[in-house]
N, C-alpha and C. Protein backbone atom coordinates (compact mmCIF):
# COMPACT_ATOMS: atom_id res chain seq x y z
N MET A 1 103.36 34.06 97.34
CA MET A 1 103.58 32.63 97.48
C MET A 1 102.74 31.90 96.43
N ALA A 2 103.31 30.91 95.82
CA ALA A 2 102.62 30.13 94.80
C ALA A 2 101.51 29.29 95.44
N ASN A 3 100.47 29.04 94.67
CA ASN A 3 99.36 28.23 95.17
C ASN A 3 99.76 26.76 95.23
N LEU A 4 99.49 26.15 96.36
CA LEU A 4 99.76 24.73 96.53
C LEU A 4 98.52 23.97 96.05
N THR A 5 98.37 23.91 94.74
CA THR A 5 97.16 23.35 94.14
C THR A 5 97.15 21.84 94.11
N GLU A 6 98.29 21.22 94.24
CA GLU A 6 98.38 19.76 94.16
C GLU A 6 98.47 19.19 95.57
N ARG A 7 97.53 18.32 95.91
CA ARG A 7 97.51 17.67 97.23
C ARG A 7 97.70 16.18 97.00
N ILE A 8 98.87 15.69 97.37
CA ILE A 8 99.27 14.32 97.06
C ILE A 8 99.46 13.53 98.35
N GLN A 9 98.80 12.37 98.44
CA GLN A 9 99.04 11.47 99.56
C GLN A 9 100.31 10.69 99.28
N LEU A 10 101.18 10.66 100.28
CA LEU A 10 102.45 9.94 100.17
C LEU A 10 102.63 9.04 101.38
N THR A 11 103.33 7.95 101.16
CA THR A 11 103.72 7.09 102.28
C THR A 11 105.10 7.55 102.77
N ARG A 12 105.50 7.03 103.89
CA ARG A 12 106.84 7.34 104.41
C ARG A 12 107.90 6.86 103.42
N GLU A 13 107.67 5.71 102.77
CA GLU A 13 108.62 5.22 101.76
C GLU A 13 108.72 6.21 100.59
N HIS A 14 107.58 6.75 100.15
CA HIS A 14 107.59 7.75 99.09
C HIS A 14 108.44 8.95 99.51
N ARG A 15 108.23 9.39 100.74
CA ARG A 15 108.98 10.54 101.26
C ARG A 15 110.48 10.28 101.20
N ASP A 16 110.88 9.09 101.65
CA ASP A 16 112.30 8.75 101.65
C ASP A 16 112.87 8.72 100.23
N LEU A 17 112.10 8.18 99.29
CA LEU A 17 112.55 8.13 97.89
C LEU A 17 112.67 9.53 97.30
N ILE A 18 111.71 10.39 97.62
CA ILE A 18 111.76 11.77 97.11
C ILE A 18 112.98 12.49 97.65
N LEU A 19 113.24 12.35 98.94
CA LEU A 19 114.40 13.03 99.52
C LEU A 19 115.71 12.45 99.01
N LYS A 20 115.72 11.17 98.66
CA LYS A 20 116.94 10.52 98.17
C LYS A 20 117.20 10.83 96.69
N TYR A 21 116.15 10.82 95.87
CA TYR A 21 116.34 10.92 94.42
C TYR A 21 115.78 12.19 93.78
N GLY A 22 114.91 12.89 94.47
CA GLY A 22 114.33 14.11 93.90
C GLY A 22 115.17 15.31 94.31
N TYR A 23 115.13 16.33 93.51
CA TYR A 23 115.87 17.55 93.83
C TYR A 23 114.88 18.56 94.40
N VAL A 24 114.49 18.34 95.66
CA VAL A 24 113.53 19.22 96.32
C VAL A 24 114.26 20.18 97.23
N SER A 25 113.68 21.35 97.41
CA SER A 25 114.27 22.34 98.30
C SER A 25 113.17 23.24 98.82
N GLY A 26 113.56 24.14 99.67
CA GLY A 26 112.63 25.13 100.17
C GLY A 26 111.47 24.55 100.95
N ARG A 27 110.29 25.08 100.70
CA ARG A 27 109.09 24.73 101.43
C ARG A 27 108.76 23.24 101.33
N LEU A 28 108.88 22.66 100.14
CA LEU A 28 108.56 21.24 99.96
C LEU A 28 109.53 20.35 100.75
N GLU A 29 110.80 20.65 100.69
CA GLU A 29 111.77 19.87 101.46
C GLU A 29 111.49 19.97 102.96
N THR A 30 111.19 21.16 103.43
CA THR A 30 110.88 21.36 104.84
C THR A 30 109.66 20.55 105.24
N SER A 31 108.64 20.57 104.40
CA SER A 31 107.42 19.81 104.68
C SER A 31 107.71 18.31 104.77
N LEU A 32 108.52 17.80 103.87
CA LEU A 32 108.85 16.37 103.88
C LEU A 32 109.71 16.00 105.09
N ARG A 33 110.65 16.86 105.46
CA ARG A 33 111.54 16.56 106.59
C ARG A 33 110.82 16.67 107.94
N ARG A 34 109.74 17.43 108.00
CA ARG A 34 108.98 17.59 109.25
C ARG A 34 107.91 16.52 109.43
N TRP A 35 107.96 15.50 108.64
CA TRP A 35 106.98 14.41 108.68
C TRP A 35 107.00 13.77 110.07
N PRO A 36 105.87 13.71 110.77
CA PRO A 36 105.84 13.07 112.10
C PRO A 36 106.23 11.59 112.01
N LYS A 37 107.05 11.14 112.92
CA LYS A 37 107.58 9.77 112.88
C LYS A 37 106.49 8.71 112.96
N ASP A 38 105.39 9.01 113.63
CA ASP A 38 104.33 8.01 113.80
C ASP A 38 103.29 8.05 112.68
N GLN A 39 103.46 8.92 111.71
CA GLN A 39 102.48 9.05 110.62
C GLN A 39 102.94 8.26 109.40
N VAL A 40 102.14 7.27 109.00
CA VAL A 40 102.49 6.39 107.89
C VAL A 40 102.18 7.05 106.55
N ILE A 41 101.04 7.72 106.46
CA ILE A 41 100.61 8.39 105.23
C ILE A 41 100.34 9.86 105.55
N ARG A 42 100.74 10.72 104.63
CA ARG A 42 100.53 12.15 104.82
C ARG A 42 100.19 12.79 103.48
N ARG A 43 99.31 13.78 103.52
CA ARG A 43 98.98 14.54 102.32
C ARG A 43 99.91 15.75 102.26
N VAL A 44 100.61 15.89 101.15
CA VAL A 44 101.59 16.95 100.98
C VAL A 44 101.12 17.89 99.88
N GLY A 45 101.17 19.18 100.16
CA GLY A 45 100.80 20.17 99.16
C GLY A 45 102.01 20.64 98.38
N MET A 46 101.81 20.85 97.09
CA MET A 46 102.88 21.37 96.24
C MET A 46 102.27 22.12 95.06
N THR A 47 103.08 22.90 94.42
CA THR A 47 102.62 23.61 93.23
C THR A 47 102.65 22.67 92.04
N ARG A 48 101.99 23.07 90.97
CA ARG A 48 102.02 22.27 89.75
C ARG A 48 103.43 22.15 89.21
N VAL A 49 104.18 23.22 89.32
CA VAL A 49 105.56 23.21 88.83
C VAL A 49 106.41 22.26 89.66
N GLU A 50 106.27 22.31 90.98
CA GLU A 50 107.02 21.38 91.84
C GLU A 50 106.68 19.94 91.49
N LEU A 51 105.40 19.66 91.26
CA LEU A 51 104.99 18.30 90.91
C LEU A 51 105.60 17.88 89.58
N GLN A 52 105.55 18.75 88.60
CA GLN A 52 106.12 18.44 87.29
C GLN A 52 107.62 18.20 87.38
N TRP A 53 108.33 19.04 88.11
CA TRP A 53 109.78 18.87 88.27
C TRP A 53 110.11 17.58 89.02
N LEU A 54 109.32 17.28 90.05
CA LEU A 54 109.55 16.07 90.82
C LEU A 54 109.38 14.82 89.95
N ILE A 55 108.33 14.80 89.14
CA ILE A 55 108.12 13.68 88.22
C ILE A 55 109.31 13.56 87.27
N GLY A 56 109.77 14.69 86.75
CA GLY A 56 110.92 14.68 85.84
C GLY A 56 112.18 14.17 86.51
N ASP A 57 112.44 14.62 87.73
CA ASP A 57 113.62 14.18 88.48
C ASP A 57 113.60 12.67 88.70
N LEU A 58 112.47 12.17 89.16
CA LEU A 58 112.37 10.75 89.48
C LEU A 58 112.40 9.89 88.22
N SER A 59 111.77 10.35 87.15
CA SER A 59 111.81 9.62 85.88
C SER A 59 113.24 9.55 85.35
N HIS A 60 113.96 10.65 85.45
CA HIS A 60 115.35 10.71 84.99
C HIS A 60 116.21 9.69 85.75
N VAL A 61 116.00 9.61 87.05
CA VAL A 61 116.75 8.66 87.88
C VAL A 61 116.50 7.23 87.40
N CYS A 62 115.24 6.92 87.07
CA CYS A 62 114.89 5.56 86.58
C CYS A 62 115.53 5.29 85.24
N VAL A 63 115.38 6.22 84.31
CA VAL A 63 115.88 6.03 82.95
C VAL A 63 117.40 5.91 82.92
N LYS A 64 118.08 6.69 83.73
CA LYS A 64 119.54 6.68 83.74
C LYS A 64 120.13 5.57 84.62
N GLY A 65 119.27 4.77 85.24
CA GLY A 65 119.75 3.65 86.05
C GLY A 65 120.38 4.06 87.36
N LYS A 66 120.02 5.24 87.88
CA LYS A 66 120.63 5.74 89.11
C LYS A 66 119.87 5.32 90.36
N ALA A 67 118.72 4.65 90.19
CA ALA A 67 117.91 4.27 91.35
C ALA A 67 118.33 2.93 91.93
N GLY A 68 119.18 2.20 91.24
CA GLY A 68 119.65 0.91 91.75
C GLY A 68 118.52 -0.02 92.10
N SER A 69 118.57 -0.56 93.31
CA SER A 69 117.54 -1.52 93.74
C SER A 69 116.20 -0.85 94.03
N ASP A 70 116.17 0.48 94.04
CA ASP A 70 114.93 1.21 94.29
C ASP A 70 114.16 1.50 93.01
N VAL A 71 114.64 1.02 91.87
CA VAL A 71 114.06 1.42 90.59
C VAL A 71 112.56 1.12 90.50
N GLU A 72 112.13 -0.03 90.98
CA GLU A 72 110.71 -0.37 90.90
C GLU A 72 109.87 0.55 91.80
N ALA A 73 110.35 0.81 92.99
CA ALA A 73 109.62 1.69 93.91
C ALA A 73 109.56 3.12 93.37
N VAL A 74 110.65 3.59 92.78
CA VAL A 74 110.68 4.94 92.20
C VAL A 74 109.73 5.01 91.00
N ALA A 75 109.71 3.97 90.18
CA ALA A 75 108.81 3.93 89.02
C ALA A 75 107.35 3.94 89.48
N ASP A 76 107.03 3.19 90.54
CA ASP A 76 105.67 3.19 91.08
C ASP A 76 105.29 4.57 91.62
N LEU A 77 106.23 5.22 92.28
CA LEU A 77 105.99 6.57 92.78
C LEU A 77 105.74 7.53 91.62
N CYS A 78 106.52 7.41 90.56
CA CYS A 78 106.31 8.24 89.36
C CYS A 78 104.91 8.02 88.79
N ASP A 79 104.48 6.77 88.73
CA ASP A 79 103.13 6.47 88.23
C ASP A 79 102.08 7.16 89.08
N HIS A 80 102.24 7.10 90.40
CA HIS A 80 101.29 7.75 91.32
C HIS A 80 101.27 9.26 91.09
N LEU A 81 102.44 9.86 90.98
CA LEU A 81 102.51 11.31 90.79
C LEU A 81 101.95 11.73 89.43
N GLU A 82 102.25 10.96 88.40
CA GLU A 82 101.73 11.27 87.06
C GLU A 82 100.21 11.15 87.03
N TYR A 83 99.67 10.13 87.68
CA TYR A 83 98.22 9.96 87.75
C TYR A 83 97.59 11.16 88.46
N ALA A 84 98.19 11.58 89.56
CA ALA A 84 97.68 12.74 90.30
C ALA A 84 97.74 13.99 89.43
N GLN A 85 98.81 14.14 88.68
CA GLN A 85 98.96 15.31 87.81
C GLN A 85 97.89 15.32 86.72
N GLN A 86 97.61 14.18 86.13
CA GLN A 86 96.66 14.09 85.02
C GLN A 86 95.21 14.17 85.47
N THR A 87 94.89 13.62 86.63
CA THR A 87 93.49 13.52 87.06
C THR A 87 93.11 14.47 88.19
N GLY A 88 94.10 14.97 88.91
CA GLY A 88 93.82 15.79 90.08
C GLY A 88 93.51 14.95 91.32
N ASP A 89 93.61 13.63 91.20
CA ASP A 89 93.35 12.71 92.30
C ASP A 89 94.68 12.23 92.87
N GLY A 90 95.09 12.81 93.98
CA GLY A 90 96.36 12.45 94.59
C GLY A 90 96.25 11.41 95.69
N ASP A 91 95.05 10.82 95.85
CA ASP A 91 94.85 9.82 96.89
C ASP A 91 95.52 8.50 96.52
N LEU A 92 96.00 7.81 97.54
CA LEU A 92 96.56 6.48 97.35
C LEU A 92 95.42 5.47 97.31
N ASP A 93 95.55 4.48 96.47
CA ASP A 93 94.57 3.40 96.40
C ASP A 93 95.12 2.22 97.19
N ILE A 94 94.85 2.24 98.48
CA ILE A 94 95.37 1.20 99.37
C ILE A 94 94.20 0.39 99.91
N LEU A 95 94.27 -0.90 99.73
CA LEU A 95 93.25 -1.79 100.29
C LEU A 95 93.76 -2.32 101.62
N TRP A 96 93.01 -2.13 102.65
CA TRP A 96 93.41 -2.57 103.98
C TRP A 96 92.76 -3.86 104.31
């Protein structure tokens, strides 16, 4: 089994966007679909390759205009994932 070296905090909205526009399957898809309904934020583990592919999928959707009204949210998600990839910091910066 590949090492789940990337630990990314995601919101439920992020999860929905990934399932709608990302081409995820296998373990990652199962993890996202098993998200508890009462949990707003969750840390999801993935491999470096899964993270890179996910960023590529979501970026492609934005560039090709396939995200429709979700384009800004998908672009923000891409920024979060790219930052996590570059720095190793997958935490969300949320001010409560």
